[in-house]
């Protein structure tokens, strides 16, 4: 059985389109690499994703 891991690199992930894309890809079981200038907001996104069991970020 072959398993394929899908990964998404999202820049600007702390707000706007980047934030929404992070949620979309998380719901679709992608491994996420999130990049943003505002670390605090990025941590908030991480917690939202974890809290909603969308995907556990490492």
N, C-alpha and C. Protein backbone atom coordinates (compact mmCIF):
# COMPACT_ATOMS: atom_id res chain seq x y z
N UNK A 1 0.84 -1.17 0.00
CA UNK A 1 0.00 0.00 0.00
C UNK A 1 0.88 1.23 0.00
N UNK A 2 0.62 2.12 -0.91
CA UNK A 2 1.41 3.33 -1.05
C UNK A 2 0.68 4.49 -0.38
N UNK A 3 1.38 5.18 0.51
CA UNK A 3 0.81 6.37 1.13
C UNK A 3 1.56 7.59 0.65
N UNK A 4 0.84 8.63 0.39
CA UNK A 4 1.43 9.88 -0.09
C UNK A 4 1.10 10.98 0.90
N UNK A 5 2.12 11.67 1.32
CA UNK A 5 1.93 12.81 2.21
C UNK A 5 1.85 14.07 1.38
N UNK A 6 0.82 14.86 1.61
CA UNK A 6 0.66 16.12 0.90
C UNK A 6 1.09 17.24 1.85
N UNK A 7 1.85 18.17 1.32
CA UNK A 7 2.35 19.29 2.11
C UNK A 7 2.00 20.60 1.42
N UNK A 8 1.58 21.59 2.23
CA UNK A 8 1.28 22.92 1.70
C UNK A 8 2.15 23.94 2.41
N UNK A 9 2.81 24.78 1.65
CA UNK A 9 3.57 25.92 2.18
C UNK A 9 2.71 27.15 1.96
N UNK A 10 2.33 27.80 3.06
CA UNK A 10 1.44 28.96 2.98
C UNK A 10 2.14 30.16 3.58
N UNK A 11 2.35 31.18 2.76
CA UNK A 11 2.93 32.43 3.26
C UNK A 11 1.78 33.38 3.60
N UNK A 12 2.03 34.27 4.54
CA UNK A 12 0.98 35.18 4.97
C UNK A 12 -0.12 34.46 5.71
N UNK A 13 0.24 33.43 6.45
CA UNK A 13 -0.74 32.55 7.09
C UNK A 13 -1.41 33.15 8.32
N UNK A 14 -1.00 34.32 8.76
CA UNK A 14 -1.58 34.87 9.99
C UNK A 14 -2.84 35.69 9.76
N UNK A 15 -3.19 35.94 8.49
CA UNK A 15 -4.41 36.72 8.24
C UNK A 15 -4.88 36.54 6.80
N UNK A 16 -6.09 36.99 6.56
CA UNK A 16 -6.64 37.03 5.20
C UNK A 16 -6.70 35.70 4.49
N UNK A 17 -6.35 35.72 3.22
CA UNK A 17 -6.41 34.53 2.38
C UNK A 17 -5.48 33.44 2.90
N UNK A 18 -4.29 33.81 3.34
CA UNK A 18 -3.35 32.82 3.86
C UNK A 18 -3.91 32.07 5.06
N UNK A 19 -4.57 32.79 5.94
CA UNK A 19 -5.19 32.18 7.12
C UNK A 19 -6.28 31.20 6.71
N UNK A 20 -7.14 31.61 5.80
CA UNK A 20 -8.22 30.75 5.35
C UNK A 20 -7.69 29.52 4.62
N UNK A 21 -6.64 29.71 3.83
CA UNK A 21 -6.03 28.57 3.14
C UNK A 21 -5.45 27.57 4.14
N UNK A 22 -4.89 28.07 5.23
CA UNK A 22 -4.37 27.17 6.26
C UNK A 22 -5.48 26.27 6.79
N UNK A 23 -6.66 26.83 7.02
CA UNK A 23 -7.79 26.03 7.50
C UNK A 23 -8.25 25.03 6.45
N UNK A 24 -8.32 25.46 5.20
CA UNK A 24 -8.76 24.59 4.11
C UNK A 24 -7.82 23.39 3.97
N UNK A 25 -6.52 23.67 3.91
CA UNK A 25 -5.56 22.58 3.76
C UNK A 25 -5.52 21.68 4.99
N UNK A 26 -5.68 22.26 6.17
CA UNK A 26 -5.71 21.45 7.39
C UNK A 26 -6.89 20.48 7.36
N UNK A 27 -8.05 20.97 6.94
CA UNK A 27 -9.23 20.11 6.85
C UNK A 27 -9.04 18.98 5.85
N UNK A 28 -8.16 19.20 4.88
CA UNK A 28 -7.91 18.20 3.85
C UNK A 28 -6.66 17.37 4.14
N UNK A 29 -6.25 17.37 5.41
CA UNK A 29 -5.16 16.51 5.91
C UNK A 29 -3.80 16.75 5.28
N UNK A 30 -3.51 17.98 4.94
CA UNK A 30 -2.19 18.33 4.46
C UNK A 30 -1.26 18.58 5.64
N UNK A 31 0.01 18.25 5.49
CA UNK A 31 1.02 18.74 6.41
C UNK A 31 1.20 20.21 6.07
N UNK A 32 1.29 21.06 7.09
CA UNK A 32 1.36 22.50 6.84
C UNK A 32 2.70 23.08 7.23
N UNK A 33 3.17 23.97 6.38
CA UNK A 33 4.32 24.82 6.68
C UNK A 33 3.77 26.24 6.57
N UNK A 34 3.58 26.87 7.73
CA UNK A 34 2.97 28.20 7.76
C UNK A 34 4.04 29.25 8.02
N UNK A 35 3.98 30.33 7.23
CA UNK A 35 4.96 31.41 7.34
C UNK A 35 4.20 32.72 7.51
N UNK A 36 4.66 33.53 8.47
CA UNK A 36 4.03 34.83 8.69
C UNK A 36 5.01 35.74 9.44
N UNK A 37 4.78 37.03 9.34
CA UNK A 37 5.62 37.99 10.05
C UNK A 37 5.24 38.09 11.52
N UNK A 38 3.98 37.88 11.82
CA UNK A 38 3.48 38.06 13.19
C UNK A 38 3.38 36.72 13.89
N UNK A 39 4.38 36.43 14.70
CA UNK A 39 4.46 35.13 15.38
C UNK A 39 3.25 34.90 16.28
N UNK A 40 2.80 35.93 16.98
CA UNK A 40 1.68 35.78 17.90
C UNK A 40 0.42 35.32 17.16
N UNK A 41 0.16 35.92 16.01
CA UNK A 41 -1.01 35.54 15.24
C UNK A 41 -0.86 34.13 14.67
N UNK A 42 0.34 33.79 14.28
CA UNK A 42 0.60 32.45 13.77
C UNK A 42 0.35 31.41 14.85
N UNK A 43 0.74 31.71 16.07
CA UNK A 43 0.48 30.80 17.20
C UNK A 43 -1.03 30.65 17.43
N UNK A 44 -1.78 31.75 17.24
CA UNK A 44 -3.24 31.69 17.39
C UNK A 44 -3.85 30.76 16.35
N UNK A 45 -3.37 30.85 15.11
CA UNK A 45 -3.87 29.98 14.05
C UNK A 45 -3.57 28.53 14.40
N UNK A 46 -2.38 28.27 14.88
CA UNK A 46 -1.99 26.91 15.28
C UNK A 46 -2.95 26.38 16.34
N UNK A 47 -3.26 27.20 17.34
CA UNK A 47 -4.15 26.76 18.41
C UNK A 47 -5.56 26.51 17.90
N UNK A 48 -6.05 27.33 16.99
CA UNK A 48 -7.39 27.13 16.42
C UNK A 48 -7.43 25.79 15.68
N UNK A 49 -6.41 25.53 14.90
CA UNK A 49 -6.36 24.27 14.15
C UNK A 49 -6.32 23.09 15.11
N UNK A 50 -5.49 23.17 16.13
CA UNK A 50 -5.40 22.09 17.11
C UNK A 50 -6.71 21.92 17.87
N UNK A 51 -7.30 23.03 18.31
CA UNK A 51 -8.52 22.98 19.11
C UNK A 51 -9.68 22.35 18.33
N UNK A 52 -9.73 22.58 17.04
CA UNK A 52 -10.80 22.04 16.22
C UNK A 52 -10.46 20.69 15.60
N UNK A 53 -9.33 20.12 16.05
CA UNK A 53 -8.89 18.82 15.56
C UNK A 53 -8.81 18.75 14.05
N UNK A 54 -8.46 19.88 13.43
CA UNK A 54 -8.32 19.87 11.99
C UNK A 54 -7.05 19.14 11.59
N UNK A 55 -5.99 19.42 12.33
CA UNK A 55 -4.69 18.82 12.02
C UNK A 55 -3.75 19.23 13.11
N UNK A 56 -2.94 18.33 13.57
CA UNK A 56 -1.99 18.65 14.64
C UNK A 56 -0.68 19.12 14.05
N UNK A 57 -0.36 20.37 14.28
CA UNK A 57 0.91 20.92 13.80
C UNK A 57 2.02 20.51 14.73
N UNK A 58 3.16 20.27 14.19
CA UNK A 58 4.31 19.85 15.00
C UNK A 58 5.23 21.03 15.22
